[in-house]
Protein backbone atom coordinates (compact mmCIF):
# COMPACT_ATOMS: atom_id res chain seq x y z
CA MET A 1 154.33 41.66 18.88
CA VAL A 2 157.68 42.49 17.30
CA ARG A 3 157.21 44.50 14.14
CA ARG A 4 159.35 45.99 11.37
CA LYS A 5 159.40 49.49 9.94
CA GLU A 6 159.03 48.25 6.35
CA GLU A 7 155.62 47.12 5.15
CA TYR A 8 157.05 44.13 3.25
CA PRO A 9 160.11 41.93 3.83
CA LYS A 10 163.07 42.11 1.47
CA ARG A 11 164.02 39.44 -1.00
CA GLY A 12 166.59 37.11 0.61
CA GLU A 13 165.42 37.86 4.15
CA LEU A 14 164.76 35.14 6.72
CA VAL A 15 161.34 35.72 8.25
CA ILE A 16 159.45 34.28 11.21
CA GLY A 17 155.93 33.12 10.51
CA THR A 18 152.99 31.06 11.69
CA VAL A 19 151.33 28.59 9.32
CA SER A 20 147.78 29.89 8.81
CA LYS A 21 146.44 27.50 6.18
CA VAL A 22 147.56 24.28 4.46
CA ASN A 23 146.34 23.25 1.01
CA PRO A 24 147.31 20.12 -0.97
CA TYR A 25 149.96 22.01 -2.94
CA SER A 26 150.86 24.99 -0.74
CA ALA A 27 150.99 26.40 2.74
CA PHE A 28 150.21 29.99 3.73
CA VAL A 29 152.33 31.65 6.40
CA SER A 30 151.34 34.70 8.41
CA LEU A 31 154.48 36.82 8.85
CA ASP A 32 154.69 37.69 12.53
CA GLU A 33 156.88 40.78 12.11
CA TYR A 34 155.00 42.25 9.14
CA GLY A 35 151.51 42.80 10.47
CA GLY A 36 150.34 39.31 9.66
CA LYS A 37 150.85 39.67 5.92
CA GLU A 38 150.62 36.27 4.28
CA GLY A 39 153.25 34.57 2.20
CA MET A 40 152.94 31.31 0.28
CA VAL A 41 155.18 28.25 0.39
CA HIS A 42 154.65 26.02 -2.64
CA VAL A 43 154.85 22.30 -1.97
CA SER A 44 158.10 22.17 -3.97
CA GLU A 45 159.64 24.65 -1.49
CA VAL A 46 158.67 22.82 1.71
CA ALA A 47 161.55 20.33 1.90
CA ARG A 48 164.59 19.18 -0.04
CA LYS A 49 163.08 15.71 -0.18
CA TRP A 50 160.10 14.68 -2.26
CA VAL A 51 156.94 15.71 -0.40
CA ARG A 52 154.16 13.23 -0.92
CA ASP A 53 151.75 14.83 1.53
CA ILE A 54 152.44 18.43 2.55
CA ARG A 55 150.54 17.93 5.80
CA THR A 56 153.21 15.55 7.06
CA TRP A 57 155.66 18.49 6.91
CA VAL A 58 153.62 21.51 7.99
CA LYS A 59 150.51 21.97 10.08
CA LYS A 60 148.35 24.95 10.89
CA GLY A 61 149.83 26.83 13.85
CA ASP A 62 153.44 25.73 13.23
CA LYS A 63 156.10 28.37 13.82
CA VAL A 64 158.42 28.39 10.80
CA VAL A 65 161.42 30.25 9.43
CA CYS A 66 161.22 31.01 5.72
CA PHE A 67 163.47 32.44 3.04
CA VAL A 68 161.85 35.24 1.04
CA LYS A 69 162.17 34.32 -2.64
CA ASN A 70 160.15 37.11 -4.23
CA VAL A 71 158.03 40.08 -3.15
CA ASP A 72 155.43 41.90 -5.24
CA PRO A 73 153.93 44.71 -3.12
CA GLU A 74 151.54 45.79 -5.90
CA LYS A 75 149.88 42.38 -5.97
CA GLY A 76 150.53 41.68 -2.30
CA HIS A 77 152.35 38.45 -3.15
CA ILE A 78 155.19 37.06 -1.04
CA ASP A 79 156.81 33.84 -2.24
CA LEU A 80 158.52 31.86 0.52
CA SER A 81 160.75 28.81 0.82
CA MET A 82 161.33 26.54 3.79
CA LYS A 83 163.81 24.23 2.09
CA MET A 84 166.26 27.08 1.46
CA VAL A 85 166.71 27.55 5.22
CA SER A 86 169.31 25.32 6.87
CA ASP A 87 168.86 23.99 10.40
CA GLU A 88 171.63 26.28 11.60
CA GLN A 89 170.00 29.34 10.02
CA LYS A 90 166.63 28.36 11.47
CA ASN A 91 167.96 27.95 15.00
CA ARG A 92 169.96 31.19 14.83
CA ARG A 93 166.97 33.17 13.48
CA LEU A 94 164.67 31.78 16.17
CA GLN A 95 167.17 32.75 18.86
CA GLU A 96 167.37 36.28 17.46
CA TRP A 97 163.57 36.46 17.38
CA LYS A 98 163.35 35.43 21.03
CA LYS A 99 165.81 38.19 21.88
CA ASP A 100 163.70 40.61 19.84
CA GLN A 101 160.69 39.66 21.95
CA ARG A 102 162.58 40.19 25.20
CA GLY A 103 163.92 43.51 23.99
CA GLU A 104 160.45 44.61 22.94
CA LYS A 105 159.14 43.95 26.46
CA LEU A 106 161.86 46.22 27.88
CA LEU A 107 161.01 48.84 25.25
CA GLU A 108 157.36 48.62 26.29
CA MET A 109 158.29 49.02 29.96
CA LEU A 110 160.32 52.09 29.13
CA GLY A 111 157.39 53.48 27.17
CA LYS A 112 154.97 53.03 30.05
CA GLU A 113 157.31 55.01 32.30
CA LYS A 114 157.28 57.83 29.73
CA GLY A 115 153.54 57.64 29.11
CA LYS A 116 154.04 56.39 25.55
CA THR A 117 152.42 53.52 23.69
CA LEU A 118 154.46 50.71 22.18
CA ASP A 119 153.69 52.11 18.71
CA GLU A 120 155.13 55.47 19.75
CA MET A 121 158.19 53.80 21.23
CA TYR A 122 158.84 51.93 17.98
CA LYS A 123 158.75 55.21 16.04
CA GLU A 124 161.04 56.99 18.50
CA LEU A 125 163.46 54.21 19.40
CA GLY A 126 162.49 50.67 18.38
CA PHE A 127 163.07 50.96 14.64
CA LEU A 128 166.35 52.77 15.29
CA ILE A 129 167.47 49.83 17.44
CA GLN A 130 166.60 47.41 14.63
CA GLU A 131 168.71 49.42 12.18
CA ASN A 132 171.79 49.51 14.40
CA PHE A 133 171.75 46.26 16.37
CA ARG A 134 171.45 42.55 15.64
CA ASN A 135 168.34 42.26 17.82
CA MET A 136 166.27 44.43 20.15
CA MET A 137 167.82 42.97 23.28
CA GLU A 138 171.39 43.85 22.28
CA PRO A 139 171.44 47.54 23.35
CA PHE A 140 170.15 46.65 26.81
CA GLU A 141 172.84 44.00 27.23
CA LEU A 142 175.56 46.11 25.63
CA VAL A 143 175.12 49.06 27.99
CA LEU A 144 175.67 46.74 30.97
CA LYS A 145 178.82 45.27 29.45
CA LYS A 146 180.37 48.28 27.74
CA GLY A 147 178.75 51.34 29.31
CA GLU A 148 176.80 54.31 27.97
CA ASP A 149 179.43 55.33 25.41
CA ALA A 150 178.85 52.07 23.53
CA LEU A 151 175.23 53.07 22.83
CA GLU A 152 176.17 56.56 21.75
CA ARG A 153 178.67 55.15 19.25
CA ARG A 154 175.93 52.91 17.83
CA GLY A 155 173.58 55.82 17.14
CA ILE A 156 171.27 55.84 20.17
CA PRO A 157 170.13 59.42 21.00
CA GLU A 158 171.57 60.79 24.23
CA LYS A 159 168.12 61.39 25.75
CA TRP A 160 167.43 57.62 25.78
CA ILE A 161 170.78 56.22 26.90
CA LYS A 162 170.43 56.61 30.68
CA ASP A 163 166.87 55.26 30.58
CA ILE A 164 167.98 52.21 28.59
CA LYS A 165 170.75 51.59 31.12
CA ARG A 166 168.39 51.93 34.10
CA VAL A 167 165.80 49.56 32.65
CA ALA A 168 168.58 47.10 31.80
CA GLU A 169 170.01 47.23 35.32
CA GLU A 170 166.58 46.62 36.82
CA ASN A 171 165.63 43.70 34.60
CA ILE A 172 168.74 41.93 33.28
CA THR A 173 171.27 39.75 35.00
CA ILE A 174 174.36 39.26 32.85
CA LYS A 175 175.88 35.83 33.42
CA GLU A 176 179.57 35.66 34.15
CA ILE A 177 181.67 32.87 32.73
CA LYS A 178 185.13 31.70 33.73
CA LEU A 179 187.70 31.54 30.94
CA LYS A 180 190.87 29.49 31.27
CA GLY A 181 194.16 29.30 29.43
CA TYR A 182 197.35 27.39 30.06
CA LEU A 183 201.05 28.19 30.10
CA ARG A 184 203.85 25.69 29.71
CA ILE A 185 207.02 27.30 31.01
CA LYS A 186 210.56 25.95 31.23
CA ASP A 187 213.34 28.23 32.45
CA TYR A 188 216.85 26.71 32.32
CA ASN A 189 218.58 29.57 34.13
CA PRO A 190 220.01 29.02 37.65
CA ASP A 191 217.40 31.37 39.10
CA GLY A 192 214.66 30.02 36.86
CA ILE A 193 212.05 29.46 39.57
CA GLU A 194 212.33 33.03 40.83
CA ARG A 195 212.20 34.38 37.29
CA ILE A 196 208.98 32.48 36.60
CA LYS A 197 207.42 33.72 39.85
CA ASP A 198 208.32 37.29 38.92
CA VAL A 199 206.84 36.94 35.44
CA LEU A 200 203.59 35.47 36.70
CA LYS A 201 203.30 38.28 39.26
CA LYS A 202 203.62 40.82 36.44
CA VAL A 203 200.94 38.97 34.45
CA ARG A 204 198.53 39.17 37.41
CA GLU A 205 199.18 42.86 37.94
CA LYS A 206 199.03 43.92 34.29
CA HIS A 207 196.05 41.84 33.10
CA GLY A 208 194.08 41.23 36.29
CA VAL A 209 194.00 37.46 35.88
CA GLU A 210 194.43 34.62 38.33
CA VAL A 211 197.44 32.35 37.89
CA LYS A 212 197.49 28.90 39.46
CA TYR A 213 200.33 26.39 39.54
CA ILE A 214 199.24 22.97 38.27
CA HIS A 215 202.50 21.06 38.23
CA ALA A 216 205.84 21.64 36.54
CA PRO A 217 205.91 23.04 33.93
CA LEU A 218 202.18 23.92 33.71
CA TYR A 219 200.25 26.97 34.97
CA GLU A 220 196.61 27.96 34.61
CA ILE A 221 195.48 31.50 33.76
CA SER A 222 191.84 32.35 34.44
CA PHE A 223 189.36 35.14 35.06
CA THR A 224 185.61 35.72 34.99
CA THR A 225 183.90 37.98 32.47
CA GLN A 226 180.48 38.96 31.13
CA ASP A 227 181.84 39.40 27.63
CA PRO A 228 183.31 36.17 26.19
CA LYS A 229 184.56 37.83 23.00
CA SER A 230 186.70 40.48 24.67
CA GLY A 231 187.56 37.96 27.37
CA GLU A 232 189.15 35.63 24.83
CA LYS A 233 191.31 38.51 23.63
CA LYS A 234 192.33 39.46 27.17
CA LEU A 235 193.25 35.89 28.05
CA ARG A 236 195.43 35.50 24.95
CA GLU A 237 197.12 38.84 25.59
CA ALA A 238 197.97 37.72 29.13
CA GLY A 239 199.52 34.49 27.86
CA GLU A 240 201.49 36.24 25.12
CA PHE A 241 202.70 38.85 27.59
CA ALA A 242 204.05 36.12 29.88
CA CYS A 243 205.95 34.47 27.04
CA SER A 244 207.35 37.82 25.87
CA LEU A 245 209.11 38.16 29.23
CA LEU A 246 210.66 34.68 29.06
CA LYS A 247 213.08 34.67 26.14
CA ASP A 248 216.61 34.00 27.38
CA ASN A 249 217.28 30.29 27.82
CA CYS A 250 213.55 29.65 28.29
CA GLU A 251 210.63 27.85 26.68
CA CYS A 252 207.14 29.33 26.96
CA GLU A 253 203.93 28.35 25.23
CA PHE A 254 200.33 29.51 25.73
CA SER A 255 197.24 27.48 24.85
CA ARG A 256 193.50 27.76 25.43
CA GLU A 257 193.39 23.99 25.79
CA GLU A 258 195.16 21.91 28.42
CA PHE A 259 198.46 20.56 27.20
CA LYS A 260 198.39 16.84 26.46
CA GLU A 261 202.09 16.44 27.14
CA MET A 262 203.16 16.95 30.71
């Protein structure tokens, strides 16, 4: 199970837990990433609405996301709140946790190859990943998208980089998505059509995108990528490059959405 280096969570942290016990005025939550340490959610912290019966809101075995209000390591007390977590925060935290679980499985596989236990792998690599990445799956995905240098820049020791890449290549399929943008081009010069063709050829060659004629004056720019964030930047740069070449007696506009006006 995914675990953290620290013995206790920090105040303000969003934690994943499993409801272990429900009383009339409180619920106890076993913190999955902190060795099963228990935190308490008072009935007033269960929901933003008035809670008449706590059991209508939480049941034993429920997986919950809680906000850490207070931590007292000396007494072993952890005060939690469910109502302070928005639906968006809950969904995002659960997604990150699922990625942590997937990343942990790859870490465990890597450990078995090296004759190391999962505990040993956490000490050597797992906790370092948690310190430098959003989740434990990220380094495995990043090395496929950006290469080995990306891991080195994020603090991964050189001795582990090639192994991380190999395990990632053997177990992960990065989905490609197709990004599209649109150009509206009007060239009022006598040789306008040829000028547009020349510009679009340069766009293809410089940015490696596909350019498709829709109908005058619209053109579609597209390409496939495994990295949507950098892909958005590349697509916009291609559109801006096209318009930079069409200045004299021309109109050029780039948009990520299809133009309404034809």
